[in-house]
Amino acid sequence: MRNQLYATNLKVKQQYIHTFLNLIKDQIDYGGKKYAHSEEKEATDLIVEVFGIKWLLGTIFKYLLRFGNQGREKDLLKIAAYCFILWLKYGFHLKENHDTDTEKNT
């Protein structure tokens, strides 16, 4: 299945977005419990405090490389979960207006 690529039109995306989001939620819930440090912080927070945000970017890169080598679904889910954490760490969840432009400027 790794070498087979499937169509990703809007209908397919709409059909499977909830499955994907549920898998990401499971990944985040699992990691949040596994790496909990306190009620306010998890291990990821402490690691970023010590090593900086580049550690988080490096972790995402590690899973990108692993996915490229092994093609495992689990690694894509980890990438998505770490991207969510990165989105939170940068405070994008606190913005009133999000970057929602989808049209290309020509």
PDB file of N, CA and C in Angstrom:
ATOM      1  N   MET A   1       0.820  -1.194   0.000  1.00  0.00           N
ATOM      2  CA  MET A   1       0.000   0.000   0.000  1.00  0.00           C
ATOM      3  C   MET A   1       0.866   1.260   0.000  1.00  0.00           C
ATOM      4  N   ARG A   2       2.077   1.197   0.465  1.00  0.00           N
ATOM      5  CA  ARG A   2       2.926   2.374   0.587  1.00  0.00           C
ATOM      6  C   ARG A   2       3.161   3.054  -0.754  1.00  0.00           C
ATOM      7  N   ASN A   3       3.307   2.308  -1.812  1.00  0.00           N
ATOM      8  CA  ASN A   3       3.612   2.889  -3.107  1.00  0.00           C
ATOM      9  C   ASN A   3       2.371   3.346  -3.851  1.00  0.00           C
ATOM     10  N   GLN A   4       1.208   2.958  -3.407  1.00  0.00           N
ATOM     11  CA  GLN A   4      -0.033   3.358  -4.066  1.00  0.00           C
ATOM     12  C   GLN A   4      -0.483   4.716  -3.556  1.00  0.00           C
ATOM     13  N   LEU A   5      -0.772   5.613  -4.478  1.00  0.00           N
ATOM     14  CA  LEU A   5      -1.274   6.929  -4.109  1.00  0.00           C
ATOM     15  C   LEU A   5      -2.727   7.031  -4.546  1.00  0.00           C
ATOM     16  N   TYR A   6      -3.557   7.620  -3.695  1.00  0.00           N
ATOM     17  CA  TYR A   6      -4.989   7.707  -3.931  1.00  0.00           C
ATOM     18  C   TYR A   6      -5.401   9.148  -4.205  1.00  0.00           C
ATOM     19  N   ALA A   7      -6.522   9.315  -4.871  1.00  0.00           N
ATOM     20  CA  ALA A   7      -7.057  10.646  -5.166  1.00  0.00           C
ATOM     21  C   ALA A   7      -7.412  11.372  -3.868  1.00  0.00           C
ATOM     22  N   THR A   8      -7.227  12.677  -3.861  1.00  0.00           N
ATOM     23  CA  THR A   8      -7.534  13.488  -2.676  1.00  0.00           C
ATOM     24  C   THR A   8      -8.384  14.688  -3.062  1.00  0.00           C
ATOM     25  N   ASN A   9      -9.464  14.442  -3.769  1.00  0.00           N
ATOM     26  CA  ASN A   9     -10.351  15.547  -4.117  1.00  0.00           C
ATOM     27  C   ASN A   9     -11.139  15.988  -2.886  1.00  0.00           C
ATOM     28  N   LEU A  10     -11.893  17.064  -3.026  1.00  0.00           N
ATOM     29  CA  LEU A  10     -12.615  17.626  -1.879  1.00  0.00           C
ATOM     30  C   LEU A  10     -13.570  16.616  -1.257  1.00  0.00           C
ATOM     31  N   LYS A  11     -14.236  15.834  -2.069  1.00  0.00           N
ATOM     32  CA  LYS A  11     -15.191  14.843  -1.547  1.00  0.00           C
ATOM     33  C   LYS A  11     -14.478  13.816  -0.652  1.00  0.00           C
ATOM     34  N   VAL A  12     -13.331  13.345  -1.097  1.00  0.00           N
ATOM     35  CA  VAL A  12     -12.563  12.374  -0.308  1.00  0.00           C
ATOM     36  C   VAL A  12     -12.087  13.021   0.997  1.00  0.00           C
ATOM     37  N   LYS A  13     -11.602  14.256   0.913  1.00  0.00           N
ATOM     38  CA  LYS A  13     -11.145  14.961   2.118  1.00  0.00           C
ATOM     39  C   LYS A  13     -12.280  15.128   3.117  1.00  0.00           C
ATOM     40  N   GLN A  14     -13.442  15.526   2.636  1.00  0.00           N
ATOM     41  CA  GLN A  14     -14.591  15.705   3.527  1.00  0.00           C
ATOM     42  C   GLN A  14     -15.031  14.378   4.134  1.00  0.00           C
ATOM     43  N   GLN A  15     -14.919  13.321   3.371  1.00  0.00           N
ATOM     44  CA  GLN A  15     -15.340  12.003   3.851  1.00  0.00           C
ATOM     45  C   GLN A  15     -14.445  11.493   4.980  1.00  0.00           C
ATOM     46  N   TYR A  16     -13.147  11.800   4.920  1.00  0.00           N
ATOM     47  CA  TYR A  16     -12.197  11.195   5.864  1.00  0.00           C
ATOM     48  C   TYR A  16     -11.601  12.157   6.893  1.00  0.00           C
ATOM     49  N   ILE A  17     -11.986  13.425   6.856  1.00  0.00           N
ATOM     50  CA  ILE A  17     -11.392  14.378   7.800  1.00  0.00           C
ATOM     51  C   ILE A  17     -11.671  13.994   9.256  1.00  0.00           C
ATOM     52  N   HIS A  18     -12.848  13.495   9.538  1.00  0.00           N
ATOM     53  CA  HIS A  18     -13.174  13.136  10.932  1.00  0.00           C
ATOM     54  C   HIS A  18     -12.388  11.911  11.392  1.00  0.00           C
ATOM     55  N   THR A  19     -12.148  10.971  10.493  1.00  0.00           N
ATOM     56  CA  THR A  19     -11.315   9.819  10.838  1.00  0.00           C
ATOM     57  C   THR A  19      -9.914  10.292  11.195  1.00  0.00           C
ATOM     58  N   PHE A  20      -9.360  11.165  10.352  1.00  0.00           N
ATOM     59  CA  PHE A  20      -8.020  11.703  10.596  1.00  0.00           C
ATOM     60  C   PHE A  20      -7.973  12.471  11.917  1.00  0.00           C
ATOM     61  N   LEU A  21      -8.945  13.339  12.148  1.00  0.00           N
ATOM     62  CA  LEU A  21      -8.964  14.123  13.386  1.00  0.00           C
ATOM     63  C   LEU A  21      -9.087  13.236  14.620  1.00  0.00           C
ATOM     64  N   ASN A  22      -9.865  12.176  14.526  1.00  0.00           N
ATOM     65  CA  ASN A  22      -9.978  11.241  15.654  1.00  0.00           C
ATOM     66  C   ASN A  22      -8.661  10.526  15.915  1.00  0.00           C
ATOM     67  N   LEU A  23      -7.948  10.160  14.857  1.00  0.00           N
ATOM     68  CA  LEU A  23      -6.642   9.524  15.039  1.00  0.00           C
ATOM     69  C   LEU A  23      -5.647  10.488  15.667  1.00  0.00           C
ATOM     70  N   ILE A  24      -5.681  11.755  15.252  1.00  0.00           N
ATOM     71  CA  ILE A  24      -4.808  12.767  15.841  1.00  0.00           C
ATOM     72  C   ILE A  24      -5.176  12.976  17.307  1.00  0.00           C
ATOM     73  N   LYS A  25      -6.461  13.044  17.590  1.00  0.00           N
ATOM     74  CA  LYS A  25      -6.918  13.207  18.976  1.00  0.00           C
ATOM     75  C   LYS A  25      -6.401  12.064  19.844  1.00  0.00           C
ATOM     76  N   ASP A  26      -6.496  10.837  19.340  1.00  0.00           N
ATOM     77  CA  ASP A  26      -5.983   9.685  20.091  1.00  0.00           C
ATOM     78  C   ASP A  26      -4.485   9.819  20.341  1.00  0.00           C
ATOM     79  N   GLN A  27      -3.740  10.267  19.333  1.00  0.00           N
ATOM     80  CA  GLN A  27      -2.291  10.447  19.466  1.00  0.00           C
ATOM     81  C   GLN A  27      -1.985  11.499  20.524  1.00  0.00           C
ATOM     82  N   ILE A  28      -2.716  12.615  20.497  1.00  0.00           N
ATOM     83  CA  ILE A  28      -2.495  13.698  21.461  1.00  0.00           C
ATOM     84  C   ILE A  28      -2.876  13.259  22.868  1.00  0.00           C
ATOM     85  N   ASP A  29      -4.007  12.561  23.006  1.00  0.00           N
ATOM     86  CA  ASP A  29      -4.425  12.069  24.324  1.00  0.00           C
ATOM     87  C   ASP A  29      -3.406  11.093  24.895  1.00  0.00           C
ATOM     88  N   TYR A  30      -2.936  10.174  24.062  1.00  0.00           N
ATOM     89  CA  TYR A  30      -1.955   9.184  24.501  1.00  0.00           C
ATOM     90  C   TYR A  30      -0.663   9.873  24.952  1.00  0.00           C
ATOM     91  N   GLY A  31      -0.143  10.779  24.098  1.00  0.00           N
ATOM     92  CA  GLY A  31       1.090  11.486  24.431  1.00  0.00           C
ATOM     93  C   GLY A  31       0.935  12.377  25.650  1.00  0.00           C
ATOM     94  N   GLY A  32      -0.231  13.019  25.776  1.00  0.00           N
ATOM     95  CA  GLY A  32      -0.475  13.903  26.910  1.00  0.00           C
ATOM     96  C   GLY A  32      -0.462  13.160  28.233  1.00  0.00           C
ATOM     97  N   LYS A  33      -0.958  11.931  28.221  1.00  0.00           N
ATOM     98  CA  LYS A  33      -0.929  11.117  29.446  1.00  0.00           C
ATOM     99  C   LYS A  33       0.453  10.527  29.681  1.00  0.00           C
ATOM    100  N   LYS A  34       1.053  10.032  28.609  1.00  0.00           N
ATOM    101  CA  LYS A  34       2.356   9.374  28.715  1.00  0.00           C
ATOM    102  C   LYS A  34       3.442  10.348  29.165  1.00  0.00           C
ATOM    103  N   TYR A  35       3.385  11.587  28.671  1.00  0.00           N
ATOM    104  CA  TYR A  35       4.442  12.554  28.940  1.00  0.00           C
ATOM    105  C   TYR A  35       4.019  13.670  29.888  1.00  0.00           C
ATOM    106  N   ALA A  36       2.963  13.446  30.640  1.00  0.00           N
ATOM    107  CA  ALA A  36       2.511  14.467  31.593  1.00  0.00           C
ATOM    108  C   ALA A  36       3.590  14.694  32.648  1.00  0.00           C
ATOM    109  N   HIS A  37       3.868  15.952  32.915  1.00  0.00           N
ATOM    110  CA  HIS A  37       4.809  16.313  33.979  1.00  0.00           C
ATOM    111  C   HIS A  37       4.038  16.860  35.179  1.00  0.00           C
ATOM    112  N   SER A  38       3.025  17.678  34.893  1.00  0.00           N
ATOM    113  CA  SER A  38       2.146  18.225  35.913  1.00  0.00           C
ATOM    114  C   SER A  38       0.831  18.561  35.215  1.00  0.00           C
ATOM    115  N   GLU A  39      -0.101  19.136  35.944  1.00  0.00           N
ATOM    116  CA  GLU A  39      -1.362  19.517  35.304  1.00  0.00           C
ATOM    117  C   GLU A  39      -1.162  20.655  34.313  1.00  0.00           C
ATOM    118  N   GLU A  40      -0.133  21.459  34.505  1.00  0.00           N
ATOM    119  CA  GLU A  40       0.112  22.616  33.642  1.00  0.00           C
ATOM    120  C   GLU A  40       1.061  22.327  32.489  1.00  0.00           C
ATOM    121  N   LYS A  41       1.946  21.348  32.648  1.00  0.00           N
ATOM    122  CA  LYS A  41       2.989  21.106  31.655  1.00  0.00           C
ATOM    123  C   LYS A  41       3.160  19.620  31.395  1.00  0.00           C
ATOM    124  N   GLU A  42       3.625  19.361  30.169  1.00  0.00           N
ATOM    125  CA  GLU A  42       4.054  18.002  29.873  1.00  0.00           C
ATOM    126  C   GLU A  42       5.539  18.049  29.515  1.00  0.00           C
ATOM    127  N   ALA A  43       6.114  16.915  29.300  1.00  0.00           N
ATOM    128  CA  ALA A  43       7.553  16.834  29.046  1.00  0.00           C
ATOM    129  C   ALA A  43       7.962  17.688  27.850  1.00  0.00           C
ATOM    130  N   THR A  44       7.126  17.765  26.841  1.00  0.00           N
ATOM    131  CA  THR A  44       7.442  18.579  25.669  1.00  0.00           C
ATOM    132  C   THR A  44       7.711  20.030  26.065  1.00  0.00           C
ATOM    133  N   ASP A  45       6.917  20.571  26.991  1.00  0.00           N
ATOM    134  CA  ASP A  45       7.127  21.940  27.454  1.00  0.00           C
ATOM    135  C   ASP A  45       8.499  22.099  28.102  1.00  0.00           C
ATOM    136  N   LEU A  46       8.859  21.159  28.943  1.00  0.00           N
ATOM    137  CA  LEU A  46      10.149  21.237  29.634  1.00  0.00           C
ATOM    138  C   LEU A  46      11.304  21.121  28.648  1.00  0.00           C
ATOM    139  N   ILE A  47      11.182  20.221  27.694  1.00  0.00           N
ATOM    140  CA  ILE A  47      12.246  20.033  26.705  1.00  0.00           C
ATOM    141  C   ILE A  47      12.419  21.296  25.868  1.00  0.00           C
ATOM    142  N   VAL A  48      11.302  21.917  25.449  1.00  0.00           N
ATOM    143  CA  VAL A  48      11.385  23.153  24.676  1.00  0.00           C
ATOM    144  C   VAL A  48      11.985  24.274  25.518  1.00  0.00           C
ATOM    145  N   GLU A  49      11.659  24.327  26.806  1.00  0.00           N
ATOM    146  CA  GLU A  49      12.243  25.344  27.682  1.00  0.00           C
ATOM    147  C   GLU A  49      13.762  25.199  27.763  1.00  0.00           C
ATOM    148  N   VAL A  50      14.251  23.968  27.769  1.00  0.00           N
ATOM    149  CA  VAL A  50      15.690  23.729  27.888  1.00  0.00           C
ATOM    150  C   VAL A  50      16.397  23.865  26.532  1.00  0.00           C
ATOM    151  N   PHE A  51      15.836  23.246  25.495  1.00  0.00           N
ATOM    152  CA  PHE A  51      16.524  23.161  24.208  1.00  0.00           C
ATOM    153  C   PHE A  51      15.981  24.109  23.136  1.00  0.00           C
ATOM    154  N   GLY A  52      14.880  24.780  23.412  1.00  0.00           N
ATOM    155  CA  GLY A  52      14.321  25.721  22.456  1.00  0.00           C
ATOM    156  C   GLY A  52      13.344  25.079  21.483  1.00  0.00           C
ATOM    157  N   ILE A  53      12.673  25.944  20.752  1.00  0.00           N
ATOM    158  CA  ILE A  53      11.636  25.495  19.824  1.00  0.00           C
ATOM    159  C   ILE A  53      12.224  24.667  18.682  1.00  0.00           C
ATOM    160  N   LYS A  54      13.517  24.845  18.407  1.00  0.00           N
ATOM    161  CA  LYS A  54      14.132  24.057  17.337  1.00  0.00           C
ATOM    162  C   LYS A  54      14.109  22.571  17.652  1.00  0.00           C
ATOM    163  N   TRP A  55      14.075  22.229  18.935  1.00  0.00           N
ATOM    164  CA  TRP A  55      13.956  20.817  19.295  1.00  0.00           C
ATOM    165  C   TRP A  55      12.656  20.247  18.737  1.00  0.00           C
ATOM    166  N   LEU A  56      11.584  21.014  18.885  1.00  0.00           N
ATOM    167  CA  LEU A  56      10.281  20.567  18.399  1.00  0.00           C
ATOM    168  C   LEU A  56      10.298  20.443  16.879  1.00  0.00           C
ATOM    169  N   LEU A  57      10.893  21.414  16.204  1.00  0.00           N
ATOM    170  CA  LEU A  57      11.016  21.340  14.749  1.00  0.00           C
ATOM    171  C   LEU A  57      11.870  20.142  14.335  1.00  0.00           C
ATOM    172  N   GLY A  58      12.917  19.873  15.097  1.00  0.00           N
ATOM    173  CA  GLY A  58      13.761  18.712  14.830  1.00  0.00           C
ATOM    174  C   GLY A  58      13.018  17.401  15.005  1.00  0.00           C
ATOM    175  N   THR A  59      12.147  17.358  15.987  1.00  0.00           N
ATOM    176  CA  THR A  59      11.344  16.153  16.217  1.00  0.00           C
ATOM    177  C   THR A  59      10.390  15.919  15.042  1.00  0.00           C
ATOM    178  N   ILE A  60       9.775  16.988  14.559  1.00  0.00           N
ATOM    179  CA  ILE A  60       8.909  16.869  13.386  1.00  0.00           C
ATOM    180  C   ILE A  60       9.724  16.367  12.196  1.00  0.00           C
ATOM    181  N   PHE A  61      10.915  16.924  12.010  1.00  0.00           N
ATOM    182  CA  PHE A  61      11.784  16.515  10.913  1.00  0.00           C
ATOM    183  C   PHE A  61      12.157  15.036  11.039  1.00  0.00           C
ATOM    184  N   LYS A  62      12.433  14.578  12.264  1.00  0.00           N
ATOM    185  CA  LYS A  62      12.768  13.168  12.495  1.00  0.00           C
ATOM    186  C   LYS A  62      11.650  12.269  12.000  1.00  0.00           C
ATOM    187  N   TYR A  63      10.395  12.619  12.331  1.00  0.00           N
ATOM    188  CA  TYR A  63       9.270  11.790  11.897  1.00  0.00           C
ATOM    189  C   TYR A  63       9.021  11.910  10.398  1.00  0.00           C
ATOM    190  N   LEU A  64       9.333  13.071   9.801  1.00  0.00           N
ATOM    191  CA  LEU A  64       9.252  13.192   8.341  1.00  0.00           C
ATOM    192  C   LEU A  64      10.224  12.234   7.668  1.00  0.00           C
ATOM    193  N   LEU A  65      11.451  12.195   8.178  1.00  0.00           N
ATOM    194  CA  LEU A  65      12.447  11.280   7.621  1.00  0.00           C
ATOM    195  C   LEU A  65      12.050   9.824   7.830  1.00  0.00           C
ATOM    196  N   ARG A  66      11.542   9.531   9.012  1.00  0.00           N
ATOM    197  CA  ARG A  66      11.117   8.162   9.298  1.00  0.00           C
ATOM    198  C   ARG A  66       9.976   7.754   8.385  1.00  0.00           C
ATOM    199  N   PHE A  67       9.027   8.682   8.159  1.00  0.00           N
ATOM    200  CA  PHE A  67       7.939   8.364   7.242  1.00  0.00           C
ATOM    201  C   PHE A  67       8.482   8.124   5.830  1.00  0.00           C
ATOM    202  N   GLY A  68       9.430   8.947   5.411  1.00  0.00           N
ATOM    203  CA  GLY A  68      10.027   8.763   4.091  1.00  0.00           C
ATOM    204  C   GLY A  68      10.703   7.412   3.942  1.00  0.00           C
ATOM    205  N   ASN A  69      11.292   6.913   5.022  1.00  0.00           N
ATOM    206  CA  ASN A  69      11.980   5.616   4.980  1.00  0.00           C
ATOM    207  C   ASN A  69      11.045   4.433   5.160  1.00  0.00           C
ATOM    208  N   GLN A  70      10.037   4.587   6.010  1.00  0.00           N
ATOM    209  CA  GLN A  70       9.221   3.436   6.383  1.00  0.00           C
ATOM    210  C   GLN A  70       7.766   3.541   5.942  1.00  0.00           C
ATOM    211  N   GLY A  71       7.281   4.752   5.676  1.00  0.00           N
ATOM    212  CA  GLY A  71       5.909   4.926   5.204  1.00  0.00           C
ATOM    213  C   GLY A  71       4.839   4.524   6.212  1.00  0.00           C
ATOM    214  N   ARG A  72       5.119   4.712   7.499  1.00  0.00           N
ATOM    215  CA  ARG A  72       4.163   4.294   8.524  1.00  0.00           C
ATOM    216  C   ARG A  72       3.149   5.398   8.822  1.00  0.00           C
ATOM    217  N   GLU A  73       1.901   4.993   8.908  1.00  0.00           N
ATOM    218  CA  GLU A  73       0.824   5.915   9.253  1.00  0.00           C
ATOM    219  C   GLU A  73       1.089   6.587  10.595  1.00  0.00           C
ATOM    220  N   LYS A  74       1.593   5.828  11.557  1.00  0.00           N
ATOM    221  CA  LYS A  74       1.840   6.343  12.905  1.00  0.00           C
ATOM    222  C   LYS A  74       2.760   7.564  12.872  1.00  0.00           C
ATOM    223  N   ASP A  75       3.735   7.570  11.987  1.00  0.00           N
ATOM    224  CA  ASP A  75       4.655   8.700  11.915  1.00  0.00           C
ATOM    225  C   ASP A  75       3.958   9.947  11.374  1.00  0.00           C
ATOM    226  N   LEU A  76       3.048   9.790  10.428  1.00  0.00           N
ATOM    227  CA  LEU A  76       2.263  10.938   9.948  1.00  0.00           C
ATOM    228  C   LEU A  76       1.393  11.503  11.069  1.00  0.00           C
ATOM    229  N   LEU A  77       0.814  10.625  11.863  1.00  0.00           N
ATOM    230  CA  LEU A  77      -0.016  11.083  12.978  1.00  0.00           C
ATOM    231  C   LEU A  77       0.822  11.828  14.009  1.00  0.00           C
ATOM    232  N   LYS A  78       2.051  11.374  14.248  1.00  0.00           N
ATOM    233  CA  LYS A  78       2.933  12.069  15.178  1.00  0.00           C
ATOM    234  C   LYS A  78       3.315  13.438  14.624  1.00  0.00           C
ATOM    235  N   ILE A  79       3.573  13.532  13.324  1.00  0.00           N
ATOM    236  CA  ILE A  79       3.882  14.822  12.700  1.00  0.00           C
ATOM    237  C   ILE A  79       2.724  15.783  12.916  1.00  0.00           C
ATOM    238  N   ALA A  80       1.518  15.314  12.659  1.00  0.00           N
ATOM    239  CA  ALA A  80       0.336  16.172  12.824  1.00  0.00           C
ATOM    240  C   ALA A  80       0.180  16.596  14.283  1.00  0.00           C
ATOM    241  N   ALA A  81       0.400  15.672  15.221  1.00  0.00           N
ATOM    242  CA  ALA A  81       0.270  15.999  16.641  1.00  0.00           C
ATOM    243  C   ALA A  81       1.322  17.024  17.061  1.00  0.00           C
ATOM    244  N   TYR A  82       2.557  16.852  16.610  1.00  0.00           N
ATOM    245  CA  TYR A  82       3.602  17.826  16.948  1.00  0.00           C
ATOM    246  C   TYR A  82       3.352  19.169  16.270  1.00  0.00           C
ATOM    247  N   CYS A  83       2.783  19.172  15.068  1.00  0.00           N
ATOM    248  CA  CYS A  83       2.416  20.445  14.424  1.00  0.00           C
ATOM    249  C   CYS A  83       1.339  21.154  15.238  1.00  0.00           C
ATOM    250  N   PHE A  84       0.415  20.406  15.789  1.00  0.00           N
ATOM    251  CA  PHE A  84      -0.615  20.989  16.655  1.00  0.00           C
ATOM    252  C   PHE A  84       0.027  21.607  17.902  1.00  0.00           C
ATOM    253  N   ILE A  85       0.959  20.885  18.504  1.00  0.00           N
ATOM    254  CA  ILE A  85       1.660  21.408  19.678  1.00  0.00           C
ATOM    255  C   ILE A  85       2.425  22.676  19.304  1.00  0.00           C
ATOM    256  N   LEU A  86       3.083  22.676  18.157  1.00  0.00           N
ATOM    257  CA  LEU A  86       3.807  23.858  17.682  1.00  0.00           C
ATOM    258  C   LEU A  86       2.858  25.033  17.486  1.00  0.00           C
ATOM    259  N   TRP A  87       1.690  24.779  16.921  1.00  0.00           N
ATOM    260  CA  TRP A  87       0.654  25.800  16.718  1.00  0.00           C
ATOM    261  C   TRP A  87       0.242  26.400  18.062  1.00  0.00           C
ATOM    262  N   LEU A  88       0.079  25.535  19.070  1.00  0.00           N
ATOM    263  CA  LEU A  88      -0.264  26.004  20.413  1.00  0.00           C
ATOM    264  C   LEU A  88       0.881  26.800  21.043  1.00  0.00           C
ATOM    265  N   LYS A  89       2.110  26.281  20.942  1.00  0.00           N
ATOM    266  CA  LYS A  89       3.257  26.935  21.574  1.00  0.00           C
ATOM    267  C   LYS A  89       3.465  28.344  21.035  1.00  0.00           C
ATOM    268  N   TYR A  90       3.159  28.556  19.764  1.00  0.00           N
ATOM    269  CA  TYR A  90       3.294  29.890  19.177  1.00  0.00           C
ATOM    270  C   TYR A  90       2.085  30.781  19.464  1.00  0.00           C
ATOM    271  N   GLY A  91       1.075  30.241  20.141  1.00  0.00           N
ATOM    272  CA  GLY A  91      -0.068  31.044  20.547  1.00  0.00           C
ATOM    273  C   GLY A  91      -1.084  31.322  19.452  1.00  0.00           C
ATOM    274  N   PHE A  92      -1.017  30.578  18.361  1.00  0.00           N
ATOM    275  CA  PHE A  92      -1.974  30.806  17.281  1.00  0.00           C
ATOM    276  C   PHE A  92      -3.412  30.526  17.710  1.00  0.00           C
ATOM    277  N   HIS A  93      -3.586  29.660  18.697  1.00  0.00           N
ATOM    278  CA  HIS A  93      -4.927  29.354  19.189  1.00  0.00           C
ATOM    279  C   HIS A  93      -5.562  30.550  19.884  1.00  0.00           C
ATOM    280  N   LEU A  94      -4.772  31.549  20.249  1.00  0.00           N
ATOM    281  CA  LEU A  94      -5.276  32.731  20.945  1.00  0.00           C
ATOM    282  C   LEU A  94      -5.653  33.870  19.990  1.00  0.00           C
ATOM    283  N   LYS A  95      -5.335  33.706  18.724  1.00  0.00           N
ATOM    284  CA  LYS A  95      -5.632  34.746  17.736  1.00  0.00           C
ATOM    285  C   LYS A  95      -7.127  34.798  17.439  1.00  0.00           C
ATOM    286  N   GLU A  96      -7.626  35.996  17.204  1.00  0.00           N
ATOM    287  CA  GLU A  96      -9.022  36.137  16.775  1.00  0.00           C
ATOM    288  C   GLU A  96      -9.156  35.870  15.281  1.00  0.00           C
ATOM    289  N   ASN A  97      -8.154  36.285  14.517  1.00  0.00           N
ATOM    290  CA  ASN A  97      -8.165  36.091  13.073  1.00  0.00           C
ATOM    291  C   ASN A  97      -7.012  35.174  12.693  1.00  0.00           C
ATOM    292  N   HIS A  98      -7.335  34.134  11.971  1.00  0.00           N
ATOM    293  CA  HIS A  98      -6.323  33.154  11.555  1.00  0.00           C
ATOM    294  C   HIS A  98      -5.980  33.350  10.085  1.00  0.00           C
ATOM    295  N   ASP A  99      -4.832  32.854   9.719  1.00  0.00           N
ATOM    296  CA  ASP A  99      -4.409  32.906   8.323  1.00  0.00           C
ATOM    297  C   ASP A  99      -5.270  31.940   7.514  1.00  0.00           C
ATOM    298  N   THR A 100      -6.327  32.453   6.958  1.00  0.00           N
ATOM    299  CA  THR A 100      -7.254  31.578   6.247  1.00  0.00           C
ATOM    300  C   THR A 100      -7.281  31.824   4.758  1.00  0.00           C
ATOM    301  N   ASP A 101      -6.403  32.701   4.252  1.00  0.00           N
ATOM    302  CA  ASP A 101      -6.399  32.975   2.815  1.00  0.00           C
ATOM    303  C   ASP A 101      -5.998  31.709   2.059  1.00  0.00           C
ATOM    304  N   THR A 102      -6.750  31.440   1.043  1.00  0.00           N
ATOM    305  CA  THR A 102      -6.469  30.247   0.252  1.00  0.00           C
ATOM    306  C   THR A 102      -6.262  30.577  -1.220  1.00  0.00           C
ATOM    307  N   GLU A 103      -6.525  31.816  -1.600  1.00  0.00           N
ATOM    308  CA  GLU A 103      -6.347  32.189  -2.998  1.00  0.00           C
ATOM    309  C   GLU A 103      -4.914  32.666  -3.219  1.00  0.00           C
ATOM    310  N   LYS A 104      -4.388  32.303  -4.378  1.00  0.00           N
ATOM    311  CA  LYS A 104      -3.053  32.758  -4.746  1.00  0.00           C
ATOM    312  C   LYS A 104      -3.148  34.165  -5.321  1.00  0.00           C
ATOM    313  N   ASN A 105      -2.213  34.980  -4.914  1.00  0.00           N
ATOM    314  CA  ASN A 105      -2.101  36.301  -5.535  1.00  0.00           C
ATOM    315  C   ASN A 105      -1.325  36.139  -6.829  1.00  0.00           C
ATOM    316  N   THR A 106      -1.900  36.630  -7.897  1.00  0.00           N
ATOM    317  CA  THR A 106      -1.198  36.509  -9.186  1.00  0.00           C
ATOM    318  C   THR A 106      -0.795  37.857  -9.709  1.00  0.00           C
TER     319      THR A 106
END
